[in-house]
Amino acid sequence: MTEGPLSDTVAQEDTPDARVILVGKPDCHLCDDARRVISAVCDDLGVSWGERSILDDPELADEFWDQIPVTLIDGSIHNIYRVDESRLRAKLMG
């Protein structure tokens, strides 16, 4: 699992206050799985989260097309493909 900065060209304009961003697309079963984990953890901890679709943003598509779902925390990549609940919780609590 890779951690690193989100490209400077990819802003979080539609979810500016969200600490956690799920980058995915509709009809993606791994995205659905990630959404359930992110929602549960963030709701439990009171952490804001949002979603961005690669279908709505060409820059996101260029960067993440073959890696979704991607979980970003504070603009940095936290997970690719699968979200580990305990790892996400630990990062958000740390």
PDB file of N, CA and C in Angstrom:
ATOM      1  N   MET A   1       0.833  -1.168   0.000  1.00  0.00           N
ATOM      2  CA  MET A   1       0.000   0.000   0.000  1.00  0.00           C
ATOM      3  C   MET A   1       0.876   1.229   0.000  1.00  0.00           C
ATOM      4  N   THR A   2       0.553   2.126  -0.854  1.00  0.00           N
ATOM      5  CA  THR A   2       1.387   3.288  -1.081  1.00  0.00           C
ATOM      6  C   THR A   2       0.868   4.489  -0.328  1.00  0.00           C
ATOM      7  N   GLU A   3       1.766   5.239   0.250  1.00  0.00           N
ATOM      8  CA  GLU A   3       1.408   6.526   0.820  1.00  0.00           C
ATOM      9  C   GLU A   3       2.231   7.564   0.098  1.00  0.00           C
ATOM     10  N   GLY A   4       1.621   8.706  -0.180  1.00  0.00           N
ATOM     11  CA  GLY A   4       2.353   9.769  -0.841  1.00  0.00           C
ATOM     12  C   GLY A   4       1.444  10.924  -1.139  1.00  0.00           C
ATOM     13  N   PRO A   5       2.015  12.027  -1.607  1.00  0.00           N
ATOM     14  CA  PRO A   5       1.207  13.213  -1.862  1.00  0.00           C
ATOM     15  C   PRO A   5       0.344  13.060  -3.102  1.00  0.00           C
ATOM     16  N   LEU A   6      -0.802  13.662  -3.048  1.00  0.00           N
ATOM     17  CA  LEU A   6      -1.675  13.756  -4.202  1.00  0.00           C
ATOM     18  C   LEU A   6      -1.078  14.790  -5.128  1.00  0.00           C
ATOM     19  N   SER A   7      -1.124  14.549  -6.409  1.00  0.00           N
ATOM     20  CA  SER A   7      -0.600  15.499  -7.384  1.00  0.00           C
ATOM     21  C   SER A   7      -1.142  16.894  -7.126  1.00  0.00           C
ATOM     22  N   ASP A   8      -0.299  17.893  -7.278  1.00  0.00           N
ATOM     23  CA  ASP A   8      -0.712  19.280  -7.059  1.00  0.00           C
ATOM     24  C   ASP A   8      -1.821  19.703  -8.007  1.00  0.00           C
ATOM     25  N   THR A   9      -1.941  19.026  -9.141  1.00  0.00           N
ATOM     26  CA  THR A   9      -2.949  19.414 -10.123  1.00  0.00           C
ATOM     27  C   THR A   9      -4.328  18.880  -9.778  1.00  0.00           C
ATOM     28  N   VAL A  10      -4.422  18.004  -8.806  1.00  0.00           N
ATOM     29  CA  VAL A  10      -5.707  17.419  -8.440  1.00  0.00           C
ATOM     30  C   VAL A  10      -6.183  18.054  -7.143  1.00  0.00           C
ATOM     31  N   ALA A  11      -7.099  18.977  -7.265  1.00  0.00           N
ATOM     32  CA  ALA A  11      -7.633  19.679  -6.096  1.00  0.00           C
ATOM     33  C   ALA A  11      -8.832  18.921  -5.553  1.00  0.00           C
ATOM     34  N   GLN A  12      -9.224  19.256  -4.358  1.00  0.00           N
ATOM     35  CA  GLN A  12     -10.398  18.651  -3.745  1.00  0.00           C
ATOM     36  C   GLN A  12     -11.511  19.687  -3.706  1.00  0.00           C
ATOM     37  N   GLU A  13     -11.787  20.316  -4.841  1.00  0.00           N
ATOM     38  CA  GLU A  13     -12.697  21.455  -4.854  1.00  0.00           C
ATOM     39  C   GLU A  13     -14.123  21.140  -4.435  1.00  0.00           C
ATOM     40  N   ASP A  14     -14.621  19.940  -4.699  1.00  0.00           N
ATOM     41  CA  ASP A  14     -16.006  19.647  -4.350  1.00  0.00           C
ATOM     42  C   ASP A  14     -16.149  19.091  -2.937  1.00  0.00           C
ATOM     43  N   THR A  15     -15.057  18.803  -2.285  1.00  0.00           N
ATOM     44  CA  THR A  15     -15.077  18.310  -0.914  1.00  0.00           C
ATOM     45  C   THR A  15     -13.967  19.000  -0.119  1.00  0.00           C
ATOM     46  N   PRO A  16     -13.984  20.330  -0.065  1.00  0.00           N
ATOM     47  CA  PRO A  16     -12.843  21.063   0.495  1.00  0.00           C
ATOM     48  C   PRO A  16     -12.605  20.822   1.978  1.00  0.00           C
ATOM     49  N   ASP A  17     -13.628  20.462   2.727  1.00  0.00           N
ATOM     50  CA  ASP A  17     -13.463  20.277   4.164  1.00  0.00           C
ATOM     51  C   ASP A  17     -13.271  18.816   4.557  1.00  0.00           C
ATOM     52  N   ALA A  18     -13.333  17.924   3.589  1.00  0.00           N
ATOM     53  CA  ALA A  18     -13.230  16.502   3.900  1.00  0.00           C
ATOM     54  C   ALA A  18     -11.782  16.107   4.149  1.00  0.00           C
ATOM     55  N   ARG A  19     -11.559  15.427   5.247  1.00  0.00           N
ATOM     56  CA  ARG A  19     -10.212  14.952   5.571  1.00  0.00           C
ATOM     57  C   ARG A  19      -9.877  13.683   4.788  1.00  0.00           C
ATOM     58  N   VAL A  20     -10.890  12.855   4.547  1.00  0.00           N
ATOM     59  CA  VAL A  20     -10.705  11.602   3.819  1.00  0.00           C
ATOM     60  C   VAL A  20     -11.474  11.696   2.510  1.00  0.00           C
ATOM     61  N   ILE A  21     -10.817  11.326   1.411  1.00  0.00           N
ATOM     62  CA  ILE A  21     -11.454  11.322   0.094  1.00  0.00           C
ATOM     63  C   ILE A  21     -11.341   9.922  -0.492  1.00  0.00           C
ATOM     64  N   LEU A  22     -12.463   9.416  -0.976  1.00  0.00           N
ATOM     65  CA  LEU A  22     -12.479   8.156  -1.713  1.00  0.00           C
ATOM     66  C   LEU A  22     -12.522   8.502  -3.193  1.00  0.00           C
ATOM     67  N   VAL A  23     -11.495   8.107  -3.926  1.00  0.00           N
ATOM     68  CA  VAL A  23     -11.457   8.302  -5.376  1.00  0.00           C
ATOM     69  C   VAL A  23     -11.889   6.986  -6.003  1.00  0.00           C
ATOM     70  N   GLY A  24     -12.954   7.038  -6.793  1.00  0.00           N
ATOM     71  CA  GLY A  24     -13.475   5.821  -7.402  1.00  0.00           C
ATOM     72  C   GLY A  24     -14.329   6.142  -8.603  1.00  0.00           C
ATOM     73  N   LYS A  25     -15.305   5.282  -8.859  1.00  0.00           N
ATOM     74  CA  LYS A  25     -16.263   5.493  -9.940  1.00  0.00           C
ATOM     75  C   LYS A  25     -17.495   4.649  -9.654  1.00  0.00           C
ATOM     76  N   PRO A  26     -18.602   4.979 -10.311  1.00  0.00           N
ATOM     77  CA  PRO A  26     -19.819   4.176 -10.139  1.00  0.00           C
ATOM     78  C   PRO A  26     -19.614   2.746 -10.649  1.00  0.00           C
ATOM     79  N   ASP A  27     -20.406   1.837 -10.130  1.00  0.00           N
ATOM     80  CA  ASP A  27     -20.388   0.432 -10.556  1.00  0.00           C
ATOM     81  C   ASP A  27     -19.026  -0.227 -10.365  1.00  0.00           C
ATOM     82  N   CYS A  28     -18.374   0.098  -9.278  1.00  0.00           N
ATOM     83  CA  CYS A  28     -17.063  -0.465  -8.930  1.00  0.00           C
ATOM     84  C   CYS A  28     -17.232  -1.171  -7.588  1.00  0.00           C
ATOM     85  N   HIS A  29     -17.200  -2.499  -7.590  1.00  0.00           N
ATOM     86  CA  HIS A  29     -17.459  -3.231  -6.344  1.00  0.00           C
ATOM     87  C   HIS A  29     -16.392  -2.973  -5.283  1.00  0.00           C
ATOM     88  N   LEU A  30     -15.148  -2.776  -5.683  1.00  0.00           N
ATOM     89  CA  LEU A  30     -14.120  -2.449  -4.696  1.00  0.00           C
ATOM     90  C   LEU A  30     -14.358  -1.067  -4.097  1.00  0.00           C
ATOM     91  N   CYS A  31     -14.888  -0.146  -4.913  1.00  0.00           N
ATOM     92  CA  CYS A  31     -15.230   1.192  -4.413  1.00  0.00           C
ATOM     93  C   CYS A  31     -16.363   1.095  -3.395  1.00  0.00           C
ATOM     94  N   ASP A  32     -17.337   0.238  -3.673  1.00  0.00           N
ATOM     95  CA  ASP A  32     -18.443   0.036  -2.729  1.00  0.00           C
ATOM     96  C   ASP A  32     -17.924  -0.508  -1.398  1.00  0.00           C
ATOM     97  N   ASP A  33     -16.998  -1.466  -1.474  1.00  0.00           N
ATOM     98  CA  ASP A  33     -16.402  -2.023  -0.251  1.00  0.00           C
ATOM     99  C   ASP A  33     -15.646  -0.944   0.516  1.00  0.00           C
ATOM    100  N   ALA A  34     -14.859  -0.157  -0.193  1.00  0.00           N
ATOM    101  CA  ALA A  34     -14.078   0.913   0.438  1.00  0.00           C
ATOM    102  C   ALA A  34     -15.002   1.946   1.074  1.00  0.00           C
ATOM    103  N   ARG A  35     -16.080   2.286   0.388  1.00  0.00           N
ATOM    104  CA  ARG A  35     -17.042   3.272   0.893  1.00  0.00           C
ATOM    105  C   ARG A  35     -17.631   2.823   2.229  1.00  0.00           C
ATOM    106  N   ARG A  36     -17.980   1.541   2.326  1.00  0.00           N
ATOM    107  CA  ARG A  36     -18.553   1.026   3.575  1.00  0.00           C
ATOM    108  C   ARG A  36     -17.560   1.162   4.737  1.00  0.00           C
ATOM    109  N   VAL A  37     -16.311   0.815   4.494  1.00  0.00           N
ATOM    110  CA  VAL A  37     -15.292   0.900   5.552  1.00  0.00           C
ATOM    111  C   VAL A  37     -15.032   2.355   5.922  1.00  0.00           C
ATOM    112  N   ILE A  38     -14.831   3.199   4.924  1.00  0.00           N
ATOM    113  CA  ILE A  38     -14.548   4.617   5.178  1.00  0.00           C
ATOM    114  C   ILE A  38     -15.705   5.266   5.916  1.00  0.00           C
ATOM    115  N   SER A  39     -16.915   5.005   5.474  1.00  0.00           N
ATOM    116  CA  SER A  39     -18.090   5.586   6.113  1.00  0.00           C
ATOM    117  C   SER A  39     -18.180   5.169   7.577  1.00  0.00           C
ATOM    118  N   ALA A  40     -18.009   3.886   7.839  1.00  0.00           N
ATOM    119  CA  ALA A  40     -18.118   3.386   9.212  1.00  0.00           C
ATOM    120  C   ALA A  40     -17.053   3.996  10.117  1.00  0.00           C
ATOM    121  N   VAL A  41     -15.811   4.002   9.656  1.00  0.00           N
ATOM    122  CA  VAL A  41     -14.712   4.520  10.479  1.00  0.00           C
ATOM    123  C   VAL A  41     -14.849   6.025  10.675  1.00  0.00           C
ATOM    124  N   CYS A  42     -15.081   6.752   9.595  1.00  0.00           N
ATOM    125  CA  CYS A  42     -15.178   8.213   9.696  1.00  0.00           C
ATOM    126  C   CYS A  42     -16.383   8.638  10.530  1.00  0.00           C
ATOM    127  N   ASP A  43     -17.508   7.971  10.346  1.00  0.00           N
ATOM    128  CA  ASP A  43     -18.686   8.298  11.150  1.00  0.00           C
ATOM    129  C   ASP A  43     -18.426   8.019  12.628  1.00  0.00           C
ATOM    130  N   ASP A  44     -17.769   6.917  12.917  1.00  0.00           N
ATOM    131  CA  ASP A  44     -17.460   6.555  14.299  1.00  0.00           C
ATOM    132  C   ASP A  44     -16.518   7.568  14.955  1.00  0.00           C
ATOM    133  N   LEU A  45     -15.554   8.077  14.183  1.00  0.00           N
ATOM    134  CA  LEU A  45     -14.557   9.004  14.722  1.00  0.00           C
ATOM    135  C   LEU A  45     -14.940  10.472  14.549  1.00  0.00           C
ATOM    136  N   GLY A  46     -16.033  10.733  13.838  1.00  0.00           N
ATOM    137  CA  GLY A  46     -16.435  12.114  13.592  1.00  0.00           C
ATOM    138  C   GLY A  46     -15.530  12.833  12.607  1.00  0.00           C
ATOM    139  N   VAL A  47     -14.974  12.088  11.662  1.00  0.00           N
ATOM    140  CA  VAL A  47     -14.065  12.637  10.657  1.00  0.00           C
ATOM    141  C   VAL A  47     -14.843  12.867   9.364  1.00  0.00           C
ATOM    142  N   SER A  48     -14.636  14.021   8.744  1.00  0.00           N
ATOM    143  CA  SER A  48     -15.333  14.325   7.495  1.00  0.00           C
ATOM    144  C   SER A  48     -14.718  13.527   6.346  1.00  0.00           C
ATOM    145  N   TRP A  49     -15.588  13.120   5.408  1.00  0.00           N
ATOM    146  CA  TRP A  49     -15.102  12.392   4.246  1.00  0.00           C
ATOM    147  C   TRP A  49     -15.979  12.716   3.048  1.00  0.00           C
ATOM    148  N   GLY A  50     -15.453  12.454   1.862  1.00  0.00           N
ATOM    149  CA  GLY A  50     -16.185  12.705   0.629  1.00  0.00           C
ATOM    150  C   GLY A  50     -15.686  11.786  -0.468  1.00  0.00           C
ATOM    151  N   GLU A  51     -16.299  11.935  -1.638  1.00  0.00           N
ATOM    152  CA  GLU A  51     -15.953  11.085  -2.774  1.00  0.00           C
ATOM    153  C   GLU A  51     -15.677  11.932  -4.000  1.00  0.00           C
ATOM    154  N   ARG A  52     -14.796  11.424  -4.842  1.00  0.00           N
ATOM    155  CA  ARG A  52     -14.512  12.024  -6.141  1.00  0.00           C
ATOM    156  C   ARG A  52     -14.541  10.899  -7.166  1.00  0.00           C
ATOM    157  N   SER A  53     -15.158  11.143  -8.308  1.00  0.00           N
ATOM    158  CA  SER A  53     -15.233  10.134  -9.362  1.00  0.00           C
ATOM    159  C   SER A  53     -14.212  10.431 -10.451  1.00  0.00           C
ATOM    160  N   ILE A  54     -13.506   9.403 -10.878  1.00  0.00           N
ATOM    161  CA  ILE A  54     -12.561   9.579 -11.977  1.00  0.00           C
ATOM    162  C   ILE A  54     -13.286   9.863 -13.288  1.00  0.00           C
ATOM    163  N   LEU A  55     -14.583   9.566 -13.346  1.00  0.00           N
ATOM    164  CA  LEU A  55     -15.349   9.837 -14.560  1.00  0.00           C
ATOM    165  C   LEU A  55     -15.677  11.319 -14.704  1.00  0.00           C
ATOM    166  N   ASP A  56     -15.628  12.058 -13.601  1.00  0.00           N
ATOM    167  CA  ASP A  56     -15.956  13.482 -13.615  1.00  0.00           C
ATOM    168  C   ASP A  56     -14.731  14.376 -13.677  1.00  0.00           C
ATOM    169  N   ASP A  57     -13.551  13.809 -13.605  1.00  0.00           N
ATOM    170  CA  ASP A  57     -12.334  14.608 -13.515  1.00  0.00           C
ATOM    171  C   ASP A  57     -11.222  13.955 -14.332  1.00  0.00           C
ATOM    172  N   PRO A  58     -10.895  14.521 -15.502  1.00  0.00           N
ATOM    173  CA  PRO A  58      -9.867  13.927 -16.357  1.00  0.00           C
ATOM    174  C   PRO A  58      -8.504  13.784 -15.674  1.00  0.00           C
ATOM    175  N   GLU A  59      -8.164  14.720 -14.799  1.00  0.00           N
ATOM    176  CA  GLU A  59      -6.873  14.629 -14.111  1.00  0.00           C
ATOM    177  C   GLU A  59      -6.851  13.455 -13.132  1.00  0.00           C
ATOM    178  N   LEU A  60      -7.965  13.259 -12.424  1.00  0.00           N
ATOM    179  CA  LEU A  60      -8.056  12.090 -11.543  1.00  0.00           C
ATOM    180  C   LEU A  60      -7.990  10.805 -12.360  1.00  0.00           C
ATOM    181  N   ALA A  61      -8.673  10.784 -13.496  1.00  0.00           N
ATOM    182  CA  ALA A  61      -8.665   9.600 -14.354  1.00  0.00           C
ATOM    183  C   ALA A  61      -7.249   9.285 -14.826  1.00  0.00           C
ATOM    184  N   ASP A  62      -6.511  10.310 -15.249  1.00  0.00           N
ATOM    185  CA  ASP A  62      -5.135  10.094 -15.702  1.00  0.00           C
ATOM    186  C   ASP A  62      -4.261   9.520 -14.593  1.00  0.00           C
ATOM    187  N   GLU A  63      -4.453  10.018 -13.392  1.00  0.00           N
ATOM    188  CA  GLU A  63      -3.594   9.617 -12.283  1.00  0.00           C
ATOM    189  C   GLU A  63      -3.978   8.270 -11.670  1.00  0.00           C
ATOM    190  N   PHE A  64      -5.282   7.985 -11.604  1.00  0.00           N
ATOM    191  CA  PHE A  64      -5.728   6.839 -10.803  1.00  0.00           C
ATOM    192  C   PHE A  64      -6.552   5.795 -11.554  1.00  0.00           C
ATOM    193  N   TRP A  65      -6.707   5.889 -12.855  1.00  0.00           N
ATOM    194  CA  TRP A  65      -7.618   5.019 -13.599  1.00  0.00           C
ATOM    195  C   TRP A  65      -7.472   3.543 -13.231  1.00  0.00           C
ATOM    196  N   ASP A  66      -6.254   3.049 -13.173  1.00  0.00           N
ATOM    197  CA  ASP A  66      -6.047   1.619 -12.938  1.00  0.00           C
ATOM    198  C   ASP A  66      -5.750   1.287 -11.476  1.00  0.00           C
ATOM    199  N   GLN A  67      -6.031   2.235 -10.569  1.00  0.00           N
ATOM    200  CA  GLN A  67      -5.711   2.007  -9.165  1.00  0.00           C
ATOM    201  C   GLN A  67      -6.915   2.113  -8.234  1.00  0.00           C
ATOM    202  N   ILE A  68      -8.089   2.434  -8.735  1.00  0.00           N
ATOM    203  CA  ILE A  68      -9.235   2.684  -7.860  1.00  0.00           C
ATOM    204  C   ILE A  68      -9.713   1.400  -7.187  1.00  0.00           C
ATOM    205  N   PRO A  69     -10.255   1.577  -6.012  1.00  0.00           N
ATOM    206  CA  PRO A  69     -10.420   2.815  -5.272  1.00  0.00           C
ATOM    207  C   PRO A  69      -9.117   3.262  -4.604  1.00  0.00           C
ATOM    208  N   VAL A  70      -8.990   4.572  -4.491  1.00  0.00           N
ATOM    209  CA  VAL A  70      -7.845   5.177  -3.818  1.00  0.00           C
ATOM    210  C   VAL A  70      -8.391   5.965  -2.633  1.00  0.00           C
ATOM    211  N   THR A  71      -7.795   5.776  -1.479  1.00  0.00           N
ATOM    212  CA  THR A  71      -8.182   6.520  -0.284  1.00  0.00           C
ATOM    213  C   THR A  71      -7.115   7.565  -0.004  1.00  0.00           C
ATOM    214  N   LEU A  72      -7.551   8.818   0.093  1.00  0.00           N
ATOM    215  CA  LEU A  72      -6.649   9.923   0.404  1.00  0.00           C
ATOM    216  C   LEU A  72      -6.957  10.424   1.803  1.00  0.00           C
ATOM    217  N   ILE A  73      -5.934  10.695   2.560  1.00  0.00           N
ATOM    218  CA  ILE A  73      -6.092  11.326   3.870  1.00  0.00           C
ATOM    219  C   ILE A  73      -5.260  12.593   3.855  1.00  0.00           C
ATOM    220  N   ASP A  74      -5.912  13.710   4.093  1.00  0.00           N
ATOM    221  CA  ASP A  74      -5.238  15.010   4.090  1.00  0.00           C
ATOM    222  C   ASP A  74      -4.440  15.220   2.809  1.00  0.00           C
ATOM    223  N   GLY A  75      -4.986  14.726   1.679  1.00  0.00           N
ATOM    224  CA  GLY A  75      -4.372  14.939   0.375  1.00  0.00           C
ATOM    225  C   GLY A  75      -3.289  13.955  -0.008  1.00  0.00           C
ATOM    226  N   SER A  76      -2.975  12.998   0.859  1.00  0.00           N
ATOM    227  CA  SER A  76      -1.952  11.997   0.555  1.00  0.00           C
ATOM    228  C   SER A  76      -2.588  10.627   0.386  1.00  0.00           C
ATOM    229  N   ILE A  77      -2.016   9.831  -0.498  1.00  0.00           N
ATOM    230  CA  ILE A  77      -2.526   8.481  -0.730  1.00  0.00           C
ATOM    231  C   ILE A  77      -2.313   7.639   0.524  1.00  0.00           C
ATOM    232  N   HIS A  78      -3.391   7.027   0.982  1.00  0.00           N
ATOM    233  CA  HIS A  78      -3.327   6.143   2.148  1.00  0.00           C
ATOM    234  C   HIS A  78      -3.452   4.681   1.720  1.00  0.00           C
ATOM    235  N   ASN A  79      -4.399   4.376   0.863  1.00  0.00           N
ATOM    236  CA  ASN A  79      -4.625   3.020   0.377  1.00  0.00           C
ATOM    237  C   ASN A  79      -4.968   3.041  -1.099  1.00  0.00           C
ATOM    238  N   ILE A  80      -4.618   1.945  -1.755  1.00  0.00           N
ATOM    239  CA  ILE A  80      -5.036   1.686  -3.128  1.00  0.00           C
ATOM    240  C   ILE A  80      -5.711   0.317  -3.124  1.00  0.00           C
ATOM    241  N   TYR A  81      -6.807   0.203  -3.839  1.00  0.00           N
ATOM    242  CA  TYR A  81      -7.601  -1.020  -4.002  1.00  0.00           C
ATOM    243  C   TYR A  81      -8.446  -1.381  -2.788  1.00  0.00           C
ATOM    244  N   ARG A  82      -7.863  -1.669  -1.667  1.00  0.00           N
ATOM    245  CA  ARG A  82      -8.633  -2.100  -0.497  1.00  0.00           C
ATOM    246  C   ARG A  82      -8.321  -1.208   0.696  1.00  0.00           C
ATOM    247  N   VAL A  83      -9.331  -1.031   1.549  1.00  0.00           N
ATOM    248  CA  VAL A  83      -9.156  -0.220   2.753  1.00  0.00           C
ATOM    249  C   VAL A  83      -9.153  -1.152   3.958  1.00  0.00           C
ATOM    250  N   ASP A  84      -8.087  -1.112   4.718  1.00  0.00           N
ATOM    251  CA  ASP A  84      -7.992  -1.881   5.947  1.00  0.00           C
ATOM    252  C   ASP A  84      -8.552  -1.023   7.076  1.00  0.00           C
ATOM    253  N   GLU A  85      -9.616  -1.503   7.702  1.00  0.00           N
ATOM    254  CA  GLU A  85     -10.305  -0.710   8.718  1.00  0.00           C
ATOM    255  C   GLU A  85      -9.390  -0.307   9.871  1.00  0.00           C
ATOM    256  N   SER A  86      -8.619  -1.234  10.394  1.00  0.00           N
ATOM    257  CA  SER A  86      -7.768  -0.909  11.546  1.00  0.00           C
ATOM    258  C   SER A  86      -6.654   0.060  11.162  1.00  0.00           C
ATOM    259  N   ARG A  87      -6.117  -0.068   9.971  1.00  0.00           N
ATOM    260  CA  ARG A  87      -5.065   0.850   9.509  1.00  0.00           C
ATOM    261  C   ARG A  87      -5.629   2.253   9.309  1.00  0.00           C
ATOM    262  N   LEU A  88      -6.820   2.351   8.720  1.00  0.00           N
ATOM    263  CA  LEU A  88      -7.467   3.647   8.524  1.00  0.00           C
ATOM    264  C   LEU A  88      -7.766   4.294   9.870  1.00  0.00           C
ATOM    265  N   ARG A  89      -8.319   3.525  10.769  1.00  0.00           N
ATOM    266  CA  ARG A  89      -8.658   4.041  12.098  1.00  0.00           C
ATOM    267  C   ARG A  89      -7.398   4.543  12.820  1.00  0.00           C
ATOM    268  N   ALA A  90      -6.330   3.763  12.769  1.00  0.00           N
ATOM    269  CA  ALA A  90      -5.083   4.153  13.435  1.00  0.00           C
ATOM    270  C   ALA A  90      -4.523   5.444  12.843  1.00  0.00           C
ATOM    271  N   LYS A  91      -4.565   5.566  11.537  1.00  0.00           N
ATOM    272  CA  LYS A  91      -4.045   6.777  10.881  1.00  0.00           C
ATOM    273  C   LYS A  91      -4.864   7.999  11.286  1.00  0.00           C
ATOM    274  N   LEU A  92      -6.177   7.857  11.317  1.00  0.00           N
ATOM    275  CA  LEU A  92      -7.037   8.991  11.651  1.00  0.00           C
ATOM    276  C   LEU A  92      -6.951   9.360  13.131  1.00  0.00           C
ATOM    277  N   MET A  93      -6.654   8.407  13.964  1.00  0.00           N
ATOM    278  CA  MET A  93      -6.543   8.683  15.398  1.00  0.00           C
ATOM    279  C   MET A  93      -5.142   9.167  15.780  1.00  0.00           C
ATOM    280  N   GLY A  94      -4.156   8.894  14.893  1.00  0.00           N
ATOM    281  CA  GLY A  94      -2.763   9.221  15.197  1.00  0.00           C
ATOM    282  C   GLY A  94      -2.492  10.638  15.035  1.00  0.00           C
TER     283      GLY A  94
END
